[in-house]
Protein backbone atom coordinates (compact mmCIF):
# COMPACT_ATOMS: atom_id res chain seq x y z
CA UNK A 1 -6.10 -32.67 -8.36
CA UNK A 2 -2.90 -34.01 -6.82
CA UNK A 3 -1.42 -34.66 -10.26
CA UNK A 4 -2.31 -31.11 -11.32
CA UNK A 5 -0.66 -29.68 -8.22
CA UNK A 6 2.50 -31.71 -8.80
CA UNK A 7 2.56 -30.64 -12.45
CA UNK A 8 2.19 -26.98 -11.49
CA UNK A 9 5.00 -27.27 -8.98
CA UNK A 10 7.26 -28.92 -11.56
CA UNK A 11 6.41 -26.18 -14.07
CA UNK A 12 7.17 -23.50 -11.51
CA UNK A 13 10.47 -25.08 -10.51
CA UNK A 14 11.47 -25.41 -14.17
CA UNK A 15 10.60 -21.81 -14.87
CA UNK A 16 12.60 -20.55 -11.91
CA UNK A 17 15.67 -22.59 -12.71
CA UNK A 18 15.61 -21.26 -16.25
CA UNK A 19 14.73 -17.62 -15.67
CA UNK A 20 17.22 -17.22 -12.85
CA UNK A 21 20.06 -19.40 -14.12
CA UNK A 22 23.29 -17.61 -13.44
CA UNK A 23 21.35 -15.21 -11.25
CA UNK A 24 19.41 -16.71 -8.36
CA UNK A 25 20.74 -17.49 -4.94
CA UNK A 26 17.63 -18.48 -2.98
CA UNK A 27 17.72 -18.24 0.78
CA UNK A 28 15.49 -18.15 3.80
CA UNK A 29 18.04 -17.42 6.51
CA UNK A 30 17.27 -15.00 9.31
CA UNK A 31 17.49 -11.28 8.36
CA UNK A 32 15.34 -8.15 8.53
CA UNK A 33 15.36 -7.31 4.82
CA UNK A 34 17.72 -9.34 2.64
CA UNK A 35 18.24 -13.02 3.35
CA UNK A 36 21.09 -15.04 1.88
CA UNK A 37 23.18 -18.09 2.44
CA UNK A 38 26.42 -19.15 0.84
CA UNK A 39 25.72 -22.03 -1.52
CA UNK A 40 27.39 -23.01 -4.77
CA UNK A 41 25.45 -21.36 -7.58
CA UNK A 42 24.22 -23.58 -10.40
CA UNK A 43 25.79 -23.33 -13.80
CA UNK A 44 23.69 -21.38 -16.29
CA UNK A 45 21.11 -23.60 -17.97
CA UNK A 46 19.19 -23.29 -21.19
CA UNK A 47 16.05 -25.06 -22.34
CA UNK A 48 17.07 -24.86 -25.98
CA UNK A 49 20.72 -25.25 -27.03
CA UNK A 50 22.05 -22.44 -29.15
CA UNK A 51 22.56 -23.31 -32.82
CA UNK A 52 26.06 -24.47 -33.65
CA UNK A 53 28.25 -22.28 -35.82
CA UNK A 54 27.95 -24.81 -38.65
CA UNK A 55 24.24 -24.09 -39.01
CA UNK A 56 23.16 -21.60 -41.68
CA UNK A 57 22.80 -18.00 -40.60
CA UNK A 58 19.24 -16.68 -40.18
CA UNK A 59 17.68 -15.51 -43.42
CA UNK A 60 15.88 -12.23 -43.86
CA UNK A 61 17.12 -9.08 -42.19
CA UNK A 62 20.88 -8.90 -41.75
CA UNK A 63 21.40 -7.76 -38.19
CA UNK A 64 23.59 -9.70 -35.95
CA UNK A 65 26.96 -8.04 -35.70
CA UNK A 66 26.82 -5.69 -38.68
CA UNK A 67 28.29 -2.25 -38.19
CA UNK A 68 24.95 -0.76 -39.22
CA UNK A 69 22.50 -2.46 -36.88
CA UNK A 70 18.99 -2.81 -38.29
CA UNK A 71 15.69 -2.55 -36.42
CA UNK A 72 12.26 -3.00 -37.96
CA UNK A 73 9.63 -0.54 -36.83
CA UNK A 74 5.87 -0.16 -36.69
CA UNK A 75 4.64 3.27 -35.65
CA UNK A 76 1.53 5.34 -35.09
CA UNK A 77 3.62 8.52 -35.36
CA UNK A 78 2.95 10.84 -38.29
CA UNK A 79 5.70 11.19 -40.87
CA UNK A 80 6.78 14.84 -40.78
CA UNK A 81 9.32 14.26 -43.55
CA UNK A 82 8.81 12.84 -47.02
CA UNK A 83 8.06 9.31 -48.30
CA UNK A 84 11.73 8.91 -49.28
CA UNK A 85 13.15 10.57 -46.18
CA UNK A 86 10.77 9.91 -43.29
CA UNK A 87 10.97 11.83 -40.04
CA UNK A 88 8.75 10.62 -37.21
CA UNK A 89 7.87 13.18 -34.55
CA UNK A 90 5.21 13.39 -31.87
CA UNK A 91 2.04 13.89 -33.96
CA UNK A 92 -0.56 11.16 -34.39
CA UNK A 93 -0.79 9.52 -37.79
CA UNK A 94 -4.45 10.19 -38.52
CA UNK A 95 -4.41 8.42 -41.87
CA UNK A 96 -8.15 8.51 -42.46
CA UNK A 97 -9.55 5.37 -44.05
CA UNK A 98 -6.19 3.63 -44.39
CA UNK A 99 -5.21 2.94 -40.80
CA UNK A 100 -2.64 4.68 -38.64
CA UNK A 101 0.27 2.24 -38.87
CA UNK A 102 3.44 2.81 -40.86
CA UNK A 103 6.16 0.18 -41.32
CA UNK A 104 9.84 0.35 -42.08
CA UNK A 105 13.45 -0.38 -41.19
CA UNK A 106 15.98 1.75 -39.38
CA UNK A 107 19.77 1.39 -39.50
CA UNK A 108 21.82 2.57 -36.56
CA UNK A 109 25.59 2.82 -36.47
CA UNK A 110 26.52 0.48 -33.66
CA UNK A 111 28.93 2.17 -31.23
CA UNK A 112 32.44 0.73 -30.97
CA UNK A 113 32.02 0.41 -27.19
CA UNK A 114 29.40 -2.30 -27.75
CA UNK A 115 32.10 -4.72 -28.87
CA UNK A 116 33.64 -5.47 -25.48
CA UNK A 117 30.66 -4.96 -23.20
CA UNK A 118 29.74 -6.45 -20.75
CA UNK A 119 33.28 -7.64 -19.87
CA UNK A 120 34.16 -6.34 -16.39
CA UNK A 121 36.26 -7.39 -13.42
CA UNK A 122 33.74 -6.39 -10.74
CA UNK A 123 30.21 -5.08 -10.23
CA UNK A 124 31.16 -1.40 -10.19
CA UNK A 125 33.11 -1.76 -13.43
CA UNK A 126 30.12 -3.59 -14.94
CA UNK A 127 27.78 -0.78 -13.88
CA UNK A 128 30.16 1.86 -15.25
CA UNK A 129 30.47 -0.01 -18.55
CA UNK A 130 26.69 -0.40 -18.69
CA UNK A 131 26.15 3.35 -18.25
CA UNK A 132 28.82 4.16 -20.86
CA UNK A 133 27.37 1.70 -23.36
CA UNK A 134 23.87 3.07 -22.80
CA UNK A 135 25.14 6.60 -23.41
CA UNK A 136 27.03 5.57 -26.56
CA UNK A 137 24.03 3.74 -28.03
CA UNK A 138 21.80 6.77 -27.46
CA UNK A 139 24.42 8.96 -29.15
CA UNK A 140 24.84 6.59 -32.09
CA UNK A 141 24.02 8.07 -35.52
CA UNK A 142 20.79 7.10 -37.25
CA UNK A 143 22.13 6.15 -40.66
CA UNK A 144 18.97 5.45 -42.61
CA UNK A 145 15.20 5.09 -42.24
CA UNK A 146 13.26 3.34 -45.00
CA UNK A 147 9.49 3.04 -45.16
CA UNK A 148 8.09 -0.33 -46.18
CA UNK A 149 4.70 -1.38 -47.39
CA UNK A 150 2.90 -3.69 -45.02
CA UNK A 151 3.34 -6.72 -47.38
CA UNK A 152 7.09 -6.06 -47.72
CA UNK A 153 7.41 -5.70 -43.96
CA UNK A 154 5.61 -8.99 -43.38
CA UNK A 155 7.83 -10.76 -45.91
CA UNK A 156 10.84 -9.83 -43.76
CA UNK A 157 9.08 -11.19 -40.69
CA UNK A 158 7.95 -14.37 -42.43
CA UNK A 159 11.43 -15.10 -43.82
CA UNK A 160 13.14 -14.70 -40.48
CA UNK A 161 14.38 -17.94 -38.93
CA UNK A 162 15.05 -17.37 -35.27
CA UNK A 163 13.66 -15.47 -32.27
CA UNK A 164 11.72 -12.24 -32.76
CA UNK A 165 11.61 -9.51 -30.11
CA UNK A 166 8.95 -6.82 -30.05
CA UNK A 167 9.84 -3.77 -27.94
CA UNK A 168 7.32 -1.11 -26.91
CA UNK A 169 8.76 1.98 -25.27
CA UNK A 170 7.47 4.19 -22.51
CA UNK A 171 6.73 7.87 -22.00
CA UNK A 172 9.17 10.69 -22.77
CA UNK A 173 10.70 8.82 -25.71
CA UNK A 174 11.51 9.99 -29.22
CA UNK A 175 11.32 7.74 -32.26
CA UNK A 176 15.11 7.68 -32.62
CA UNK A 177 15.65 6.87 -28.94
CA UNK A 178 13.10 4.05 -29.08
CA UNK A 179 14.89 2.51 -32.09
CA UNK A 180 18.22 2.68 -30.27
CA UNK A 181 16.76 1.08 -27.14
CA UNK A 182 15.47 -1.82 -29.22
CA UNK A 183 18.84 -2.15 -30.97
CA UNK A 184 20.72 -2.04 -27.66
CA UNK A 185 18.68 -4.92 -26.20
CA UNK A 186 18.89 -6.93 -29.42
CA UNK A 187 22.65 -6.51 -29.69
CA UNK A 188 23.14 -7.75 -26.14
CA UNK A 189 20.87 -10.69 -26.97
CA UNK A 190 23.08 -11.47 -29.97
CA UNK A 191 26.26 -11.24 -27.92
CA UNK A 192 25.02 -13.91 -25.52
CA UNK A 193 24.72 -16.64 -28.14
CA UNK A 194 25.21 -17.74 -31.71
CA UNK A 195 21.73 -16.98 -33.02
CA UNK A 196 20.52 -13.45 -33.74
CA UNK A 197 17.19 -11.91 -32.80
CA UNK A 198 14.96 -9.86 -35.10
CA UNK A 199 14.11 -6.64 -33.19
CA UNK A 200 10.85 -4.86 -33.98
CA UNK A 201 10.01 -1.62 -32.23
CA UNK A 202 6.42 -0.46 -31.83
CA UNK A 203 6.68 3.31 -31.46
CA UNK A 204 3.77 5.49 -30.48
CA UNK A 205 3.70 9.34 -30.50
CA UNK A 206 5.31 10.20 -27.20
CA UNK A 207 6.07 13.91 -27.02
CA UNK A 208 9.58 13.21 -25.68
CA UNK A 209 9.07 15.75 -22.91
CA UNK A 210 8.83 15.01 -19.20
CA UNK A 211 6.33 17.83 -18.82
CA UNK A 212 3.89 16.10 -21.20
CA UNK A 213 2.99 13.04 -19.13
CA UNK A 214 -0.77 13.43 -19.58
CA UNK A 215 -0.43 13.95 -23.33
CA UNK A 216 1.66 10.79 -23.57
CA UNK A 217 -1.02 8.87 -21.69
CA UNK A 218 -3.62 10.06 -24.19
CA UNK A 219 -1.47 9.21 -27.23
CA UNK A 220 -0.69 5.76 -25.90
CA UNK A 221 -4.38 5.09 -25.25
CA UNK A 222 -5.14 6.18 -28.82
CA UNK A 223 -2.41 3.84 -30.14
CA UNK A 224 -3.59 0.77 -28.23
CA UNK A 225 -6.02 -0.50 -30.89
CA UNK A 226 -3.28 -0.21 -33.52
CA UNK A 227 -0.90 -2.09 -31.22
CA UNK A 228 -3.43 -4.92 -30.92
CA UNK A 229 -3.78 -5.03 -34.71
CA UNK A 230 -0.01 -5.15 -35.13
CA UNK A 231 0.49 -7.99 -32.64
CA UNK A 232 -2.27 -10.07 -34.25
CA UNK A 233 -0.68 -9.50 -37.66
CA UNK A 234 2.81 -10.48 -36.50
CA UNK A 235 1.56 -13.63 -34.82
CA UNK A 236 -0.09 -14.72 -38.06
CA UNK A 237 2.76 -13.73 -40.38
CA UNK A 238 5.81 -15.08 -38.56
CA UNK A 239 7.29 -18.51 -39.13
CA UNK A 240 5.76 -20.95 -36.61
CA UNK A 241 9.26 -22.01 -35.55
CA UNK A 242 10.27 -18.42 -34.66
CA UNK A 243 9.48 -17.68 -30.99
CA UNK A 244 8.05 -14.25 -30.17
CA UNK A 245 9.32 -12.39 -27.10
CA UNK A 246 7.73 -9.20 -25.77
CA UNK A 247 9.59 -6.44 -23.93
CA UNK A 248 7.68 -3.44 -22.56
CA UNK A 249 9.13 -0.47 -20.71
CA UNK A 250 7.46 2.10 -18.46
CA UNK A 251 4.07 3.23 -19.80
CA UNK A 252 4.44 0.69 -22.63
CA UNK A 253 3.44 -2.01 -20.12
CA UNK A 254 -0.17 -0.82 -20.33
CA UNK A 255 -1.15 -1.92 -23.87
CA UNK A 256 0.77 -5.19 -23.54
CA UNK A 257 -0.99 -6.13 -20.31
CA UNK A 258 -4.30 -5.02 -21.81
CA UNK A 259 -3.64 -7.24 -24.84
CA UNK A 260 -3.09 -10.23 -22.54
CA UNK A 261 -6.33 -9.40 -20.73
CA UNK A 262 -8.31 -8.98 -23.96
CA UNK A 263 -7.02 -12.36 -25.24
CA UNK A 264 -7.54 -14.28 -22.01
CA UNK A 265 -8.63 -17.85 -22.53
CA UNK A 266 -6.65 -18.17 -25.76
CA UNK A 267 -3.45 -20.10 -26.39
CA UNK A 268 -0.17 -18.49 -25.39
CA UNK A 269 0.80 -15.72 -27.80
CA UNK A 270 4.41 -15.22 -26.72
CA UNK A 271 7.43 -17.16 -25.50
CA UNK A 272 8.64 -14.72 -22.82
CA UNK A 273 7.23 -11.45 -21.50
CA UNK A 274 9.46 -8.84 -19.84
CA UNK A 275 7.73 -5.97 -18.03
CA UNK A 276 10.37 -3.38 -17.17
CA UNK A 277 9.76 -0.35 -14.95
CA UNK A 278 6.03 -0.76 -15.46
CA UNK A 279 4.11 2.50 -15.11
CA UNK A 280 0.78 0.81 -14.60
CA UNK A 281 -1.34 0.45 -11.49
CA UNK A 282 0.13 -2.42 -9.46
CA UNK A 283 -3.20 -3.72 -8.19
CA UNK A 284 -4.56 -3.82 -11.75
CA UNK A 285 -1.51 -5.76 -12.97
CA UNK A 286 -1.73 -8.10 -9.97
CA UNK A 287 -5.40 -8.83 -10.73
CA UNK A 288 -4.48 -9.66 -14.34
CA UNK A 289 -1.31 -11.65 -13.71
CA UNK A 290 -3.02 -14.95 -14.56
CA UNK A 291 -3.98 -13.52 -17.96
CA UNK A 292 -0.41 -12.28 -18.45
CA UNK A 293 0.99 -15.71 -17.56
CA UNK A 294 -1.47 -17.43 -19.86
CA UNK A 295 -0.11 -15.33 -22.73
CA UNK A 296 3.47 -16.55 -22.11
CA UNK A 297 4.62 -20.06 -22.96
CA UNK A 298 7.70 -19.89 -20.77
CA UNK A 299 8.08 -17.02 -18.32
CA UNK A 300 7.06 -13.53 -17.24
CA UNK A 301 9.63 -11.25 -15.62
CA UNK A 302 8.77 -8.02 -13.80
CA UNK A 303 11.77 -5.70 -13.44
CA UNK A 304 11.48 -3.29 -10.50
CA UNK A 305 13.57 -0.64 -8.79
CA UNK A 306 13.21 1.16 -5.48
CA UNK A 307 15.18 4.12 -6.86
CA UNK A 308 12.92 4.74 -9.87
CA UNK A 309 12.12 8.44 -9.40
CA UNK A 310 9.65 8.75 -12.33
CA UNK A 311 7.65 5.86 -10.86
CA UNK A 312 7.69 7.51 -7.44
CA UNK A 313 6.32 10.61 -9.14
CA UNK A 314 3.67 8.49 -10.84
CA UNK A 315 2.77 7.01 -7.46
CA UNK A 316 2.29 10.50 -6.06
CA UNK A 317 0.06 11.49 -8.98
CA UNK A 318 -2.02 8.30 -9.12
CA UNK A 319 -1.99 7.71 -5.33
CA UNK A 320 -1.30 3.99 -5.86
CA UNK A 321 1.80 1.78 -6.22
CA UNK A 322 3.06 1.02 -9.72
CA UNK A 323 4.04 -2.37 -11.13
CA UNK A 324 7.67 -1.26 -11.47
CA UNK A 325 7.66 -0.10 -7.85
CA UNK A 326 5.01 -2.20 -6.05
CA UNK A 327 5.55 -0.59 -2.66
CA UNK A 328 4.65 2.71 -1.05
CA UNK A 329 6.67 5.83 -1.90
CA UNK A 330 9.24 7.04 0.64
CA UNK A 331 8.11 9.31 3.44
CA UNK A 332 7.79 12.79 2.04
CA UNK A 333 9.65 15.71 3.55
CA UNK A 334 7.56 18.21 1.66
CA UNK A 335 3.81 18.62 1.56
CA UNK A 336 2.19 16.92 -1.40
CA UNK A 337 0.59 20.22 -2.36
CA UNK A 338 4.07 21.70 -2.72
CA UNK A 339 5.10 18.89 -5.06
CA UNK A 340 1.95 19.20 -7.13
CA UNK A 341 2.54 22.92 -7.32
CA UNK A 342 5.56 22.32 -9.58
CA UNK A 343 4.83 23.68 -13.02
CA UNK A 344 6.45 20.88 -14.97
CA UNK A 345 6.68 17.12 -14.75
CA UNK A 346 10.46 17.48 -14.81
CA UNK A 347 10.43 19.40 -11.57
CA UNK A 348 7.98 16.95 -10.06
CA UNK A 349 10.31 14.08 -10.96
CA UNK A 350 13.27 15.89 -9.44
CA UNK A 351 11.25 16.56 -6.31
CA UNK A 352 10.39 12.87 -6.11
CA UNK A 353 14.01 11.82 -6.54
CA UNK A 354 14.96 14.02 -3.60
CA UNK A 355 12.70 11.87 -1.42
CA UNK A 356 14.81 8.76 -2.04
CA UNK A 357 17.01 8.45 1.02
CA UNK A 358 19.81 5.89 1.52
CA UNK A 359 17.77 4.14 4.23
CA UNK A 360 14.41 4.36 2.48
CA UNK A 361 14.31 0.95 0.82
CA UNK A 362 11.72 -0.82 2.97
CA UNK A 363 14.29 -2.01 5.49
CA UNK A 364 11.42 -2.43 7.91
CA UNK A 365 11.97 -4.57 11.03
CA UNK A 366 8.44 -5.95 10.65
CA UNK A 367 9.44 -7.65 7.37
CA UNK A 368 12.23 -9.62 9.02
CA UNK A 369 9.99 -10.54 11.94
CA UNK A 370 7.20 -11.76 9.66
CA UNK A 371 9.44 -13.98 7.53
CA UNK A 372 11.37 -15.30 10.54
CA UNK A 373 8.15 -16.31 12.24
CA UNK A 374 6.81 -17.98 9.13
CA UNK A 375 9.29 -18.64 6.28
CA UNK A 376 6.43 -20.10 4.23
CA UNK A 377 5.07 -16.60 3.71
CA UNK A 378 7.51 -16.18 0.82
CA UNK A 379 6.13 -16.73 -2.67
CA UNK A 380 6.88 -15.76 -6.25
CA UNK A 381 4.60 -13.23 -7.93
CA UNK A 382 3.00 -16.03 -9.95
CA UNK A 383 3.40 -19.56 -11.24
CA UNK A 384 5.48 -18.27 -14.16
CA UNK A 385 6.24 -14.78 -12.89
CA UNK A 386 9.11 -13.40 -10.82
CA UNK A 387 10.31 -9.99 -9.68
CA UNK A 388 13.89 -9.00 -10.50
CA UNK A 389 15.06 -5.97 -8.54
CA UNK A 390 17.64 -3.77 -10.32
CA UNK A 391 17.76 -1.02 -7.68
CA UNK A 392 21.55 -1.18 -7.35
CA UNK A 393 22.20 -1.57 -11.08
CA UNK A 394 20.26 1.20 -12.83
CA UNK A 395 20.83 4.88 -12.12
CA UNK A 396 20.36 6.55 -15.51
CA UNK A 397 17.50 9.05 -15.85
CA UNK A 398 16.89 8.85 -12.11
CA UNK A 399 16.71 5.06 -12.12
CA UNK A 400 14.15 4.63 -14.90
CA UNK A 401 16.43 3.57 -17.76
CA UNK A 402 16.34 0.07 -19.22
CA UNK A 403 18.42 -2.62 -17.50
CA UNK A 404 19.31 -3.85 -20.98
CA UNK A 405 21.87 -6.54 -19.97
CA UNK A 406 19.30 -8.02 -17.59
CA UNK A 407 16.57 -7.99 -20.24
CA UNK A 408 18.80 -9.63 -22.84
CA UNK A 409 19.93 -12.16 -20.25
CA UNK A 410 16.35 -13.07 -19.37
CA UNK A 411 15.60 -13.74 -23.03
CA UNK A 412 18.80 -15.81 -23.35
CA UNK A 413 18.23 -17.53 -19.98
CA UNK A 414 21.55 -16.58 -18.46
CA UNK A 415 22.49 -13.39 -16.63
CA UNK A 416 26.08 -14.21 -15.78
CA UNK A 417 28.12 -12.52 -14.43
CA UNK A 418 25.29 -11.08 -12.32
CA UNK A 419 23.81 -12.84 -9.30
CA UNK A 420 20.99 -12.08 -6.90
CA UNK A 421 19.77 -12.39 -3.34
CA UNK A 422 16.16 -12.90 -2.33
CA UNK A 423 14.71 -9.95 -0.43
CA UNK A 424 11.29 -9.31 1.05
CA UNK A 425 9.58 -5.94 1.14
CA UNK A 426 6.76 -4.45 3.12
CA UNK A 427 3.51 -4.69 1.11
CA UNK A 428 1.89 -1.42 0.15
CA UNK A 429 -0.39 0.08 2.77
CA UNK A 430 -3.68 -0.78 1.07
CA UNK A 431 -2.68 -4.43 0.53
CA UNK A 432 -1.54 -4.78 4.13
CA UNK A 433 -4.80 -3.30 5.38
CA UNK A 434 -6.76 -5.75 3.21
CA UNK A 435 -4.77 -8.59 4.79
CA UNK A 436 -5.79 -7.46 8.27
CA UNK A 437 -2.53 -5.76 9.22
CA UNK A 438 -0.21 -8.75 8.87
CA UNK A 439 0.76 -10.37 5.56
CA UNK A 440 -0.74 -13.63 4.31
CA UNK A 441 2.22 -13.80 1.94
CA UNK A 442 5.30 -11.80 1.00
CA UNK A 443 6.48 -11.64 -2.59
CA UNK A 444 10.07 -12.59 -3.30
CA UNK A 445 12.24 -10.03 -5.06
CA UNK A 446 15.40 -11.39 -6.70
CA UNK A 447 17.65 -8.41 -6.12
CA UNK A 448 20.78 -7.97 -8.22
CA UNK A 449 23.53 -8.27 -5.60
CA UNK A 450 26.63 -6.13 -6.01
CA UNK A 451 28.51 -8.46 -3.65
CA UNK A 452 27.93 -11.52 -5.80
CA UNK A 453 29.44 -10.43 -9.08
CA UNK A 454 31.09 -13.37 -10.86
CA UNK A 455 34.06 -12.70 -13.09
């Protein structure tokens, strides 16, 4: 038992040093909300050295720094175009007797602004460049979409030598936007090292409309079985030496976490798992975190934001905290009946965003008192799992957009020039009540710190 405990502690320490290299500045000094101390930050570390430039380039799909950036796709969306000129909208692909999955490749004209990013002299410039790059990627032209047969698709996967990233998007997302999000993350991954990543986007029939939240939930639920089939196929088809990373955003966290739960007790399926802005019940995800960790060989990262207005709206609708915002919503100025009287999800989201006040980020004096009285209350979310808080970094679409430099950095194991400070937050009301009114532990949140930007 003692050897097992020591081994778990070593594994945890190794995971933290890797996942937060170039990012973490741990501290337990006295403070009410954020706690930091000035210590020299460790140099970024990597478990696996990047291939040298003399090594052969990855075979298979030509991605890396091509002007036309390629993303593979698997979709449950119906093709509203033709076999030679596909157009994927918001209808379900009810391909009776032949399955609902279609495969293909998509080429996107990489924006010129992606060349220099993320070079910046300070945090604000970095944030401005991040927003501009995000905008330019979303405005980038879709040059070509080609359908592939399943065997031809799997040949591309099998022939790839290098990391593979599967991205599953969230609600209110078009097919084109999902492809560009996957390309944006993959390009940042490529820019952080010498080896390229093969991006594959799993796209389900979101209606791309904030007012259609319930319809998106139904379409995602319908697509879950196909997602499971796709993941099992990719795991079997890929080269054993090619690690598989999973990135889920928003509502897309649900099928990925369910997959981990359904495959509990099996060997790890993935190298890293990134759960960004998770629109899934926090208590459900917390209960399944051991299954999620078991599915990851290396690490699990949960990206959260206090300013995520769509997740606040989701909290109001579901009456529970969400994984991407595992705390209570801000105090409401309006009656909940007034908010729910809004005719569209868009208005409800805007109403929720109005509740986010400058001083509404859990700066509760009780939190500081609890941790000062017992610094050992602090713990990570799991043995392999950490929270990274991007509240001060992401503002697009009311704080729900992808923190794509952070995601790419996690997969590359270095987030320089960003750094973080450990903060503690008040547990949600139900959790605190279950603990008897005072916490038995407080989760650590590694909050991106605007004051610790490294040039």
